[in-house]
C-alpha atoms as a PDB file:
ATOM      1  CA  UNK A   1       7.580 -29.456   4.403  1.00  0.00           C
ATOM      2  CA  UNK A   2       4.010 -28.999   3.287  1.00  0.00           C
ATOM      3  CA  UNK A   3       4.882 -27.729  -0.181  1.00  0.00           C
ATOM      4  CA  UNK A   4       7.025 -30.742  -1.039  1.00  0.00           C
ATOM      5  CA  UNK A   5       4.448 -33.140   0.375  1.00  0.00           C
ATOM      6  CA  UNK A   6       1.881 -31.895  -2.164  1.00  0.00           C
ATOM      7  CA  UNK A   7       4.082 -32.972  -5.055  1.00  0.00           C
ATOM      8  CA  UNK A   8       4.581 -29.481  -6.557  1.00  0.00           C
ATOM      9  CA  UNK A   9       8.307 -30.103  -7.108  1.00  0.00           C
ATOM     10  CA  UNK A  10       7.417 -32.119 -10.225  1.00  0.00           C
ATOM     11  CA  UNK A  11       6.571 -28.793 -11.910  1.00  0.00           C
ATOM     12  CA  UNK A  12       9.876 -26.848 -12.010  1.00  0.00           C
ATOM     13  CA  UNK A  13       8.412 -23.965 -14.041  1.00  0.00           C
ATOM     14  CA  UNK A  14       5.632 -23.346 -11.532  1.00  0.00           C
ATOM     15  CA  UNK A  15       7.096 -20.769  -9.169  1.00  0.00           C
ATOM     16  CA  UNK A  16       6.031 -20.812  -5.542  1.00  0.00           C
ATOM     17  CA  UNK A  17       4.898 -17.499  -4.083  1.00  0.00           C
ATOM     18  CA  UNK A  18       4.254 -16.563  -0.458  1.00  0.00           C
ATOM     19  CA  UNK A  19       1.750 -13.761   0.217  1.00  0.00           C
ATOM     20  CA  UNK A  20       1.361 -12.238   3.669  1.00  0.00           C
ATOM     21  CA  UNK A  21      -2.021 -10.770   4.507  1.00  0.00           C
ATOM     22  CA  UNK A  22      -3.508 -12.985   1.825  1.00  0.00           C
ATOM     23  CA  UNK A  23      -7.074 -12.408   3.028  1.00  0.00           C
ATOM     24  CA  UNK A  24      -6.822  -8.612   2.878  1.00  0.00           C
ATOM     25  CA  UNK A  25      -8.102  -6.510  -0.023  1.00  0.00           C
ATOM     26  CA  UNK A  26      -4.876  -6.667  -2.037  1.00  0.00           C
ATOM     27  CA  UNK A  27      -3.920 -10.161  -0.875  1.00  0.00           C
ATOM     28  CA  UNK A  28      -7.200 -11.698  -2.071  1.00  0.00           C
ATOM     29  CA  UNK A  29      -6.911 -10.048  -5.482  1.00  0.00           C
ATOM     30  CA  UNK A  30      -3.313 -11.218  -5.909  1.00  0.00           C
ATOM     31  CA  UNK A  31      -4.143 -14.734  -4.733  1.00  0.00           C
ATOM     32  CA  UNK A  32      -6.861 -15.115  -7.367  1.00  0.00           C
ATOM     33  CA  UNK A  33      -4.874 -13.584 -10.227  1.00  0.00           C
ATOM     34  CA  UNK A  34      -1.651 -15.472  -9.568  1.00  0.00           C
ATOM     35  CA  UNK A  35      -3.391 -18.828  -9.152  1.00  0.00           C
ATOM     36  CA  UNK A  36      -5.103 -18.264 -12.498  1.00  0.00           C
ATOM     37  CA  UNK A  37      -1.674 -17.680 -14.035  1.00  0.00           C
ATOM     38  CA  UNK A  38      -0.442 -21.025 -12.717  1.00  0.00           C
ATOM     39  CA  UNK A  39       1.691 -19.899  -9.788  1.00  0.00           C
ATOM     40  CA  UNK A  40       1.810 -22.060  -6.676  1.00  0.00           C
ATOM     41  CA  UNK A  41       0.438 -19.565  -4.164  1.00  0.00           C
ATOM     42  CA  UNK A  42       0.794 -19.930  -0.414  1.00  0.00           C
ATOM     43  CA  UNK A  43      -0.283 -17.483   2.214  1.00  0.00           C
ATOM     44  CA  UNK A  44       0.127 -16.438   5.831  1.00  0.00           C
ATOM     45  CA  UNK A  45      -2.765 -14.847   7.665  1.00  0.00           C
ATOM     46  CA  UNK A  46      -4.274 -14.619  11.134  1.00  0.00           C
ATOM     47  CA  UNK A  47      -6.810 -17.302  10.133  1.00  0.00           C
ATOM     48  CA  UNK A  48      -5.506 -20.357   8.300  1.00  0.00           C
ATOM     49  CA  UNK A  49      -7.184 -22.303   5.493  1.00  0.00           C
ATOM     50  CA  UNK A  50      -5.414 -25.515   4.486  1.00  0.00           C
ATOM     51  CA  UNK A  51      -7.520 -25.983   1.340  1.00  0.00           C
ATOM     52  CA  UNK A  52      -6.269 -22.630   0.035  1.00  0.00           C
ATOM     53  CA  UNK A  53      -2.722 -23.216   1.290  1.00  0.00           C
ATOM     54  CA  UNK A  54      -3.055 -20.437   3.855  1.00  0.00           C
ATOM     55  CA  UNK A  55      -1.166 -21.042   7.080  1.00  0.00           C
ATOM     56  CA  UNK A  56      -2.208 -19.474  10.355  1.00  0.00           C
ATOM     57  CA  UNK A  57       0.337 -17.171  11.964  1.00  0.00           C
ATOM     58  CA  UNK A  58       0.484 -13.802  13.655  1.00  0.00           C
ATOM     59  CA  UNK A  59       3.408 -11.949  12.076  1.00  0.00           C
ATOM     60  CA  UNK A  60       3.807 -10.013  15.315  1.00  0.00           C
ATOM     61  CA  UNK A  61       4.822 -13.316  16.892  1.00  0.00           C
ATOM     62  CA  UNK A  62       8.369 -14.212  15.881  1.00  0.00           C
ATOM     63  CA  UNK A  63       8.087 -17.936  16.622  1.00  0.00           C
ATOM     64  CA  UNK A  64       4.782 -18.326  14.754  1.00  0.00           C
ATOM     65  CA  UNK A  65       6.260 -16.521  11.753  1.00  0.00           C
ATOM     66  CA  UNK A  66       9.395 -18.683  11.682  1.00  0.00           C
ATOM     67  CA  UNK A  67       7.325 -21.852  12.012  1.00  0.00           C
ATOM     68  CA  UNK A  68       4.891 -20.915   9.226  1.00  0.00           C
ATOM     69  CA  UNK A  69       7.607 -19.932   6.747  1.00  0.00           C
ATOM     70  CA  UNK A  70       9.526 -23.135   7.469  1.00  0.00           C
ATOM     71  CA  UNK A  71       6.503 -25.193   6.404  1.00  0.00           C
ATOM     72  CA  UNK A  72       6.324 -23.773   2.880  1.00  0.00           C
ATOM     73  CA  UNK A  73       9.895 -23.334   1.776  1.00  0.00           C
ATOM     74  CA  UNK A  74      11.485 -23.476  -0.707  1.00  0.00           C
ATOM     75  CA  UNK A  75       9.740 -20.528  -2.355  1.00  0.00           C
ATOM     76  CA  UNK A  76      10.829 -18.041  -4.982  1.00  0.00           C
ATOM     77  CA  UNK A  77       8.920 -14.835  -4.204  1.00  0.00           C
ATOM     78  CA  UNK A  78       7.569 -13.146  -1.072  1.00  0.00           C
ATOM     79  CA  UNK A  79       4.827 -10.537  -1.477  1.00  0.00           C
ATOM     80  CA  UNK A  80       4.420  -8.630   1.773  1.00  0.00           C
ATOM     81  CA  UNK A  81       0.988  -6.993   1.921  1.00  0.00           C
ATOM     82  CA  UNK A  82       0.280  -7.465   5.639  1.00  0.00           C
ATOM     83  CA  UNK A  83       0.118  -4.198   7.580  1.00  0.00           C
ATOM     84  CA  UNK A  84      -2.065  -2.205   9.880  1.00  0.00           C
ATOM     85  CA  UNK A  85      -3.597   0.333   7.523  1.00  0.00           C
ATOM     86  CA  UNK A  86      -3.938   4.051   8.083  1.00  0.00           C
ATOM     87  CA  UNK A  87      -6.845   4.755  10.437  1.00  0.00           C
ATOM     88  CA  UNK A  88      -7.235   1.177  11.703  1.00  0.00           C
ATOM     89  CA  UNK A  89      -7.574   0.667  15.432  1.00  0.00           C
ATOM     90  CA  UNK A  90      -4.611  -0.810  17.269  1.00  0.00           C
ATOM     91  CA  UNK A  91      -4.712  -3.080  20.316  1.00  0.00           C
ATOM     92  CA  UNK A  92      -4.393  -1.274  23.619  1.00  0.00           C
ATOM     93  CA  UNK A  93      -0.853  -0.052  24.157  1.00  0.00           C
ATOM     94  CA  UNK A  94       0.249  -0.789  20.586  1.00  0.00           C
ATOM     95  CA  UNK A  95       1.092   1.612  17.780  1.00  0.00           C
ATOM     96  CA  UNK A  96       0.837   1.453  13.990  1.00  0.00           C
ATOM     97  CA  UNK A  97       4.575   2.098  13.776  1.00  0.00           C
ATOM     98  CA  UNK A  98       5.548  -0.721  16.123  1.00  0.00           C
ATOM     99  CA  UNK A  99       3.156  -3.248  14.628  1.00  0.00           C
ATOM    100  CA  UNK A 100       4.102  -2.640  10.991  1.00  0.00           C
ATOM    101  CA  UNK A 101       7.840  -2.606  11.624  1.00  0.00           C
ATOM    102  CA  UNK A 102       7.713  -5.668  13.870  1.00  0.00           C
ATOM    103  CA  UNK A 103       5.754  -7.689  11.298  1.00  0.00           C
ATOM    104  CA  UNK A 104       8.313  -6.811   8.632  1.00  0.00           C
ATOM    105  CA  UNK A 105      11.254  -7.546  10.926  1.00  0.00           C
ATOM    106  CA  UNK A 106       9.920 -10.999  11.845  1.00  0.00           C
ATOM    107  CA  UNK A 107       9.170 -11.847   8.220  1.00  0.00           C
ATOM    108  CA  UNK A 108      12.614 -10.758   7.066  1.00  0.00           C
ATOM    109  CA  UNK A 109      14.247 -12.971   9.678  1.00  0.00           C
ATOM    110  CA  UNK A 110      12.137 -15.927   8.603  1.00  0.00           C
ATOM    111  CA  UNK A 111      12.835 -15.639   4.874  1.00  0.00           C
ATOM    112  CA  UNK A 112      16.483 -14.553   5.112  1.00  0.00           C
ATOM    113  CA  UNK A 113      17.996 -18.053   4.671  1.00  0.00           C
ATOM    114  CA  UNK A 114      16.170 -18.508   1.349  1.00  0.00           C
ATOM    115  CA  UNK A 115      17.001 -15.169  -0.355  1.00  0.00           C
ATOM    116  CA  UNK A 116      13.689 -14.861  -2.240  1.00  0.00           C
ATOM    117  CA  UNK A 117      12.633 -12.006  -4.439  1.00  0.00           C
ATOM    118  CA  UNK A 118      10.814  -9.661  -2.079  1.00  0.00           C
ATOM    119  CA  UNK A 119       7.922  -7.403  -3.150  1.00  0.00           C
ATOM    120  CA  UNK A 120       6.903  -4.913  -0.475  1.00  0.00           C
ATOM    121  CA  UNK A 121       3.788  -2.767  -0.520  1.00  0.00           C
ATOM    122  CA  UNK A 122       4.668   0.650   0.802  1.00  0.00           C
ATOM    123  CA  UNK A 123       2.669   3.869   0.401  1.00  0.00           C
ATOM    124  CA  UNK A 124       2.957   7.356  -1.077  1.00  0.00           C
ATOM    125  CA  UNK A 125       2.233   8.519   2.475  1.00  0.00           C
ATOM    126  CA  UNK A 126       6.008   8.274   3.025  1.00  0.00           C
ATOM    127  CA  UNK A 127       6.391  11.575   1.144  1.00  0.00           C
ATOM    128  CA  UNK A 128       4.023  13.823   3.078  1.00  0.00           C
ATOM    129  CA  UNK A 129       1.774  15.987   0.935  1.00  0.00           C
ATOM    130  CA  UNK A 130       2.755  19.484   2.043  1.00  0.00           C
ATOM    131  CA  UNK A 131       4.231  21.609  -0.734  1.00  0.00           C
ATOM    132  CA  UNK A 132       4.324  18.920  -3.441  1.00  0.00           C
ATOM    133  CA  UNK A 133       3.776  21.145  -6.468  1.00  0.00           C
ATOM    134  CA  UNK A 134       4.287  18.639  -9.271  1.00  0.00           C
ATOM    135  CA  UNK A 135       4.166  14.874  -9.795  1.00  0.00           C
ATOM    136  CA  UNK A 136       6.197  13.341  -6.966  1.00  0.00           C
ATOM    137  CA  UNK A 137       8.996  11.046  -8.107  1.00  0.00           C
ATOM    138  CA  UNK A 138      10.291   8.003  -6.270  1.00  0.00           C
ATOM    139  CA  UNK A 139      13.607   9.832  -5.879  1.00  0.00           C
ATOM    140  CA  UNK A 140      12.020  12.775  -4.030  1.00  0.00           C
ATOM    141  CA  UNK A 141      12.874  13.105  -0.352  1.00  0.00           C
ATOM    142  CA  UNK A 142      10.275  11.530   1.965  1.00  0.00           C
ATOM    143  CA  UNK A 143       8.807  13.519   4.826  1.00  0.00           C
ATOM    144  CA  UNK A 144       5.907  11.516   6.273  1.00  0.00           C
ATOM    145  CA  UNK A 145       3.388  13.281   8.475  1.00  0.00           C
ATOM    146  CA  UNK A 146       1.560  10.234   9.865  1.00  0.00           C
ATOM    147  CA  UNK A 147       2.592   7.302  12.004  1.00  0.00           C
ATOM    148  CA  UNK A 148       1.511   5.022   9.160  1.00  0.00           C
ATOM    149  CA  UNK A 149       3.776   6.829   6.698  1.00  0.00           C
ATOM    150  CA  UNK A 150       6.676   6.710   9.140  1.00  0.00           C
ATOM    151  CA  UNK A 151       6.149   2.983   9.659  1.00  0.00           C
ATOM    152  CA  UNK A 152       6.238   2.312   5.913  1.00  0.00           C
ATOM    153  CA  UNK A 153       9.408   4.352   5.488  1.00  0.00           C
ATOM    154  CA  UNK A 154      11.045   2.483   8.374  1.00  0.00           C
ATOM    155  CA  UNK A 155      10.111  -0.845   6.756  1.00  0.00           C
ATOM    156  CA  UNK A 156      11.635   0.311   3.463  1.00  0.00           C
ATOM    157  CA  UNK A 157      14.856   1.164   5.250  1.00  0.00           C
ATOM    158  CA  UNK A 158      14.848  -2.230   6.948  1.00  0.00           C
ATOM    159  CA  UNK A 159      14.566  -3.962   3.570  1.00  0.00           C
ATOM    160  CA  UNK A 160      17.280  -1.886   1.941  1.00  0.00           C
ATOM    161  CA  UNK A 161      19.654  -2.575   4.841  1.00  0.00           C
ATOM    162  CA  UNK A 162      18.945  -6.324   4.729  1.00  0.00           C
ATOM    163  CA  UNK A 163      20.852  -8.973   2.793  1.00  0.00           C
ATOM    164  CA  UNK A 164      18.102  -9.244   0.151  1.00  0.00           C
ATOM    165  CA  UNK A 165      19.503  -8.806  -3.343  1.00  0.00           C
ATOM    166  CA  UNK A 166      16.181  -8.556  -5.208  1.00  0.00           C
ATOM    167  CA  UNK A 167      13.635  -6.235  -3.625  1.00  0.00           C
ATOM    168  CA  UNK A 168      10.801  -4.251  -5.239  1.00  0.00           C
ATOM    169  CA  UNK A 169       9.360  -1.466  -3.075  1.00  0.00           C
ATOM    170  CA  UNK A 170       5.996  -0.357  -4.440  1.00  0.00           C
ATOM    171  CA  UNK A 171       4.718   2.939  -3.063  1.00  0.00           C
ATOM    172  CA  UNK A 172       0.992   2.750  -3.696  1.00  0.00           C
ATOM    173  CA  UNK A 173      -1.225   5.762  -4.243  1.00  0.00           C
ATOM    174  CA  UNK A 174      -4.573   5.441  -2.407  1.00  0.00           C
ATOM    175  CA  UNK A 175      -5.982   2.048  -3.426  1.00  0.00           C
ATOM    176  CA  UNK A 176      -9.626   1.579  -4.385  1.00  0.00           C
ATOM    177  CA  UNK A 177     -12.151  -0.387  -6.365  1.00  0.00           C
ATOM    178  CA  UNK A 178     -15.922  -0.102  -6.726  1.00  0.00           C
ATOM    179  CA  UNK A 179     -16.523  -1.927  -3.438  1.00  0.00           C
ATOM    180  CA  UNK A 180     -13.735  -0.166  -1.522  1.00  0.00           C
ATOM    181  CA  UNK A 181     -13.815   3.614  -1.798  1.00  0.00           C
ATOM    182  CA  UNK A 182     -12.819   4.729   1.701  1.00  0.00           C
ATOM    183  CA  UNK A 183      -9.464   6.126   0.510  1.00  0.00           C
ATOM    184  CA  UNK A 184     -11.254   8.176  -2.149  1.00  0.00           C
ATOM    185  CA  UNK A 185     -14.015   9.347   0.176  1.00  0.00           C
ATOM    186  CA  UNK A 186     -11.502  11.211   2.328  1.00  0.00           C
ATOM    187  CA  UNK A 187     -10.877  13.566  -0.592  1.00  0.00           C
ATOM    188  CA  UNK A 188     -14.564  14.319  -1.191  1.00  0.00           C
ATOM    189  CA  UNK A 189     -16.390  14.899   2.084  1.00  0.00           C
ATOM    190  CA  UNK A 190     -15.892  17.631   4.621  1.00  0.00           C
ATOM    191  CA  UNK A 191     -14.198  16.153   7.714  1.00  0.00           C
ATOM    192  CA  UNK A 192     -16.855  15.102  10.223  1.00  0.00           C
ATOM    193  CA  UNK A 193     -19.728  15.812   7.799  1.00  0.00           C
ATOM    194  CA  UNK A 194     -20.301  12.529   5.934  1.00  0.00           C
ATOM    195  CA  UNK A 195     -23.140  13.750   3.691  1.00  0.00           C
ATOM    196  CA  UNK A 196     -21.700  17.085   2.562  1.00  0.00           C
ATOM    197  CA  UNK A 197     -19.420  16.827  -0.463  1.00  0.00           C
ATOM    198  CA  UNK A 198     -16.844  19.441  -1.325  1.00  0.00           C
ATOM    199  CA  UNK A 199     -16.952  20.765  -4.892  1.00  0.00           C
ATOM    200  CA  UNK A 200     -13.645  22.523  -5.139  1.00  0.00           C
ATOM    201  CA  UNK A 201     -12.735  24.994  -7.837  1.00  0.00           C
ATOM    202  CA  UNK A 202     -10.408  24.992  -9.479  1.00  0.00           C
ATOM    203  CA  UNK A 203     -10.685  21.222  -9.122  1.00  0.00           C
ATOM    204  CA  UNK A 204      -7.470  19.610  -7.802  1.00  0.00           C
ATOM    205  CA  UNK A 205      -6.213  16.363  -9.327  1.00  0.00           C
ATOM    206  CA  UNK A 206      -5.431  13.206  -7.378  1.00  0.00           C
ATOM    207  CA  UNK A 207      -3.374  10.169  -8.308  1.00  0.00           C
ATOM    208  CA  UNK A 208      -5.245   7.039  -7.249  1.00  0.00           C
ATOM    209  CA  UNK A 209      -4.513   3.350  -7.665  1.00  0.00           C
ATOM    210  CA  UNK A 210      -7.256   0.971  -8.744  1.00  0.00           C
ATOM    211  CA  UNK A 211      -6.914  -2.541  -7.358  1.00  0.00           C
ATOM    212  CA  UNK A 212      -6.493  -3.860 -10.909  1.00  0.00           C
ATOM    213  CA  UNK A 213      -3.426  -1.627 -11.304  1.00  0.00           C
ATOM    214  CA  UNK A 214      -1.838  -3.247  -8.248  1.00  0.00           C
ATOM    215  CA  UNK A 215      -2.469  -6.761  -9.583  1.00  0.00           C
ATOM    216  CA  UNK A 216      -1.259  -5.957 -13.095  1.00  0.00           C
ATOM    217  CA  UNK A 217       1.897  -4.327 -11.729  1.00  0.00           C
ATOM    218  CA  UNK A 218       2.806  -7.423  -9.710  1.00  0.00           C
ATOM    219  CA  UNK A 219       2.048  -9.724 -12.635  1.00  0.00           C
ATOM    220  CA  UNK A 220       4.323  -7.657 -14.890  1.00  0.00           C
ATOM    221  CA  UNK A 221       7.116  -7.738 -12.310  1.00  0.00           C
ATOM    222  CA  UNK A 222       6.914 -11.505 -12.043  1.00  0.00           C
ATOM    223  CA  UNK A 223       7.161 -11.907 -15.819  1.00  0.00           C
ATOM    224  CA  UNK A 224      10.627 -10.321 -15.964  1.00  0.00           C
ATOM    225  CA  UNK A 225      13.882 -11.125 -14.266  1.00  0.00           C
ATOM    226  CA  UNK A 226      14.476  -9.256 -11.002  1.00  0.00           C
ATOM    227  CA  UNK A 227      16.732  -6.225 -11.339  1.00  0.00           C
ATOM    228  CA  UNK A 228      18.134  -5.833  -7.842  1.00  0.00           C
ATOM    229  CA  UNK A 229      16.582  -3.237  -5.574  1.00  0.00           C
ATOM    230  CA  UNK A 230      14.171  -0.681  -6.927  1.00  0.00           C
ATOM    231  CA  UNK A 231      11.548   1.705  -5.584  1.00  0.00           C
ATOM    232  CA  UNK A 232       8.638   2.976  -7.651  1.00  0.00           C
ATOM    233  CA  UNK A 233       5.329   4.763  -7.261  1.00  0.00           C
ATOM    234  CA  UNK A 234       2.257   2.850  -8.403  1.00  0.00           C
ATOM    235  CA  UNK A 235      -0.922   4.595  -9.565  1.00  0.00           C
ATOM    236  CA  UNK A 236      -3.263   4.766 -12.531  1.00  0.00           C
ATOM    237  CA  UNK A 237      -2.065   6.404 -15.742  1.00  0.00           C
ATOM    238  CA  UNK A 238      -4.019   9.635 -15.374  1.00  0.00           C
ATOM    239  CA  UNK A 239      -4.939  11.507 -12.193  1.00  0.00           C
ATOM    240  CA  UNK A 240      -8.601  12.021 -11.318  1.00  0.00           C
ATOM    241  CA  UNK A 241      -9.989  15.500 -10.816  1.00  0.00           C
ATOM    242  CA  UNK A 242     -11.851  16.092  -7.573  1.00  0.00           C
ATOM    243  CA  UNK A 243     -15.081  16.901  -9.383  1.00  0.00           C
ATOM    244  CA  UNK A 244     -15.053  13.462 -11.029  1.00  0.00           C
ATOM    245  CA  UNK A 245     -14.432  11.455  -7.881  1.00  0.00           C
ATOM    246  CA  UNK A 246     -17.066  13.484  -6.006  1.00  0.00           C
ATOM    247  CA  UNK A 247     -19.607  12.279  -8.583  1.00  0.00           C
ATOM    248  CA  UNK A 248     -19.038   8.700  -7.428  1.00  0.00           C
ATOM    249  CA  UNK A 249     -20.795   9.430  -4.119  1.00  0.00           C
ATOM    250  CA  UNK A 250     -24.313  10.575  -3.156  1.00  0.00           C
ATOM    251  CA  UNK A 251     -24.660  13.662  -1.011  1.00  0.00           C
ATOM    252  CA  UNK A 252     -25.134  17.404  -1.029  1.00  0.00           C
ATOM    253  CA  UNK A 253     -22.418  19.347  -2.866  1.00  0.00           C
ATOM    254  CA  UNK A 254     -21.077  22.588  -1.447  1.00  0.00           C
ATOM    255  CA  UNK A 255     -18.984  24.766  -3.774  1.00  0.00           C
ATOM    256  CA  UNK A 256     -15.712  25.877  -2.164  1.00  0.00           C
ATOM    257  CA  UNK A 257     -13.255  28.158  -3.930  1.00  0.00           C
ATOM    258  CA  UNK A 258      -9.763  27.037  -2.988  1.00  0.00           C
ATOM    259  CA  UNK A 259      -8.623  30.648  -2.695  1.00  0.00           C
ATOM    260  CA  UNK A 260     -11.121  31.130   0.164  1.00  0.00           C
ATOM    261  CA  UNK A 261      -9.424  28.526   2.359  1.00  0.00           C
ATOM    262  CA  UNK A 262      -5.827  29.303   1.360  1.00  0.00           C
ATOM    263  CA  UNK A 263      -5.231  31.699   4.314  1.00  0.00           C
ATOM    264  CA  UNK A 264      -5.805  28.710   6.624  1.00  0.00           C
ATOM    265  CA  UNK A 265      -2.734  27.044   5.141  1.00  0.00           C
ATOM    266  CA  UNK A 266      -0.461  29.921   6.138  1.00  0.00           C
ATOM    267  CA  UNK A 267      -1.980  30.095   9.621  1.00  0.00           C
ATOM    268  CA  UNK A 268      -0.903  26.483  10.137  1.00  0.00           C
ATOM    269  CA  UNK A 269       2.722  27.661  10.142  1.00  0.00           C
ATOM    270  CA  UNK A 270       1.995  29.117  13.579  1.00  0.00           C
ATOM    271  CA  UNK A 271       1.615  25.609  15.011  1.00  0.00           C
ATOM    272  CA  UNK A 272       4.548  23.668  16.479  1.00  0.00           C
ATOM    273  CA  UNK A 273       6.767  22.084  13.836  1.00  0.00           C
ATOM    274  CA  UNK A 274       5.495  18.473  13.814  1.00  0.00           C
ATOM    275  CA  UNK A 275       1.812  19.205  14.318  1.00  0.00           C
ATOM    276  CA  UNK A 276       2.034  22.085  11.838  1.00  0.00           C
ATOM    277  CA  UNK A 277       3.529  19.792   9.191  1.00  0.00           C
ATOM    278  CA  UNK A 278       0.811  17.181   9.795  1.00  0.00           C
ATOM    279  CA  UNK A 279      -1.984  19.755   9.506  1.00  0.00           C
ATOM    280  CA  UNK A 280      -0.507  21.295   6.360  1.00  0.00           C
ATOM    281  CA  UNK A 281      -0.314  17.818   4.823  1.00  0.00           C
ATOM    282  CA  UNK A 282      -4.001  17.336   5.640  1.00  0.00           C
ATOM    283  CA  UNK A 283      -4.813  20.699   4.068  1.00  0.00           C
ATOM    284  CA  UNK A 284      -2.812  19.796   0.951  1.00  0.00           C
ATOM    285  CA  UNK A 285      -4.496  16.392   0.720  1.00  0.00           C
ATOM    286  CA  UNK A 286      -7.946  18.020   0.774  1.00  0.00           C
ATOM    287  CA  UNK A 287      -7.521  21.196  -1.243  1.00  0.00           C
ATOM    288  CA  UNK A 288      -4.490  20.749  -3.539  1.00  0.00           C
ATOM    289  CA  UNK A 289      -3.428  18.381  -6.280  1.00  0.00           C
ATOM    290  CA  UNK A 290      -1.659  15.188  -5.203  1.00  0.00           C
ATOM    291  CA  UNK A 291       0.028  13.582  -8.206  1.00  0.00           C
ATOM    292  CA  UNK A 292       2.742  10.928  -8.431  1.00  0.00           C
ATOM    293  CA  UNK A 293       5.054   9.977 -11.259  1.00  0.00           C
ATOM    294  CA  UNK A 294       4.886   6.288 -12.143  1.00  0.00           C
ATOM    295  CA  UNK A 295       4.826   3.657 -14.857  1.00  0.00           C
ATOM    296  CA  UNK A 296       1.682   3.243 -17.000  1.00  0.00           C
ATOM    297  CA  UNK A 297      -1.341   1.410 -15.588  1.00  0.00           C
ATOM    298  CA  UNK A 298      -5.071   1.188 -16.409  1.00  0.00           C
ATOM    299  CA  UNK A 299      -7.520   3.944 -15.665  1.00  0.00           C
ATOM    300  CA  UNK A 300     -10.852   3.500 -13.912  1.00  0.00           C
ATOM    301  CA  UNK A 301     -14.018   5.322 -14.938  1.00  0.00           C
ATOM    302  CA  UNK A 302     -15.983   4.852 -11.699  1.00  0.00           C
ATOM    303  CA  UNK A 303     -18.883   2.985 -13.380  1.00  0.00           C
END
């Protein structure tokens, strides 16, 4: 096994962690932070890098996944960040749902014999936005409107039905940092008009999750003993009003009173059930507050 060959077993207090998708936005941030804290970090990604202890494997391929995991056991913690994100293009004939659930299924099979602590990055998209009048709690009933949200909810179910005894499901609010604002931009610009910003009034509030919040949450989890299976929302302490996040982008602002577009919401009930729900969720995401109840985390001022 590669891990044993590097002599790490002489350091019993140095826990070994496996991160999937280690070269993604969240994976890179976790890799850096956890190495700095002294953890023995290994990764699986589509492109390997032996110097960084990243093994090459396609999680959609069962045999590649089993082979990669076998090279780095024993390990204590698995952090599963790998996924096809909302809006990403899929290979011809594939679907976001199939790809995300298959990656999780293959990984679970590979790590099952070792019973590690499992940290899974889910999304608040599992809830669906339509009609969420107050801060959404982790105990609220999910009703996803997108294929991405449905895939994350299916992965959660897979984990909870597995033999894992210690599993943390983290439902992330839209993740961002100063160099990655695409998830925020969707709440600012008129669809299909990339230079025209909405200035809504009254200004709705949005829960967002800075990348630092994600890293600090994982670091805090790893500093305490696992407590079985738990699901929690992860976002910054305070929501951001739409006026504030719009100021982070250049462009022409157009004032839009929310009351002027409200009749559109009720017209969407005339659509078939599934498409109507999806369109109402889009309306709610753009024109209404989207807040989630969670544990404390740092705020971000956009500077």
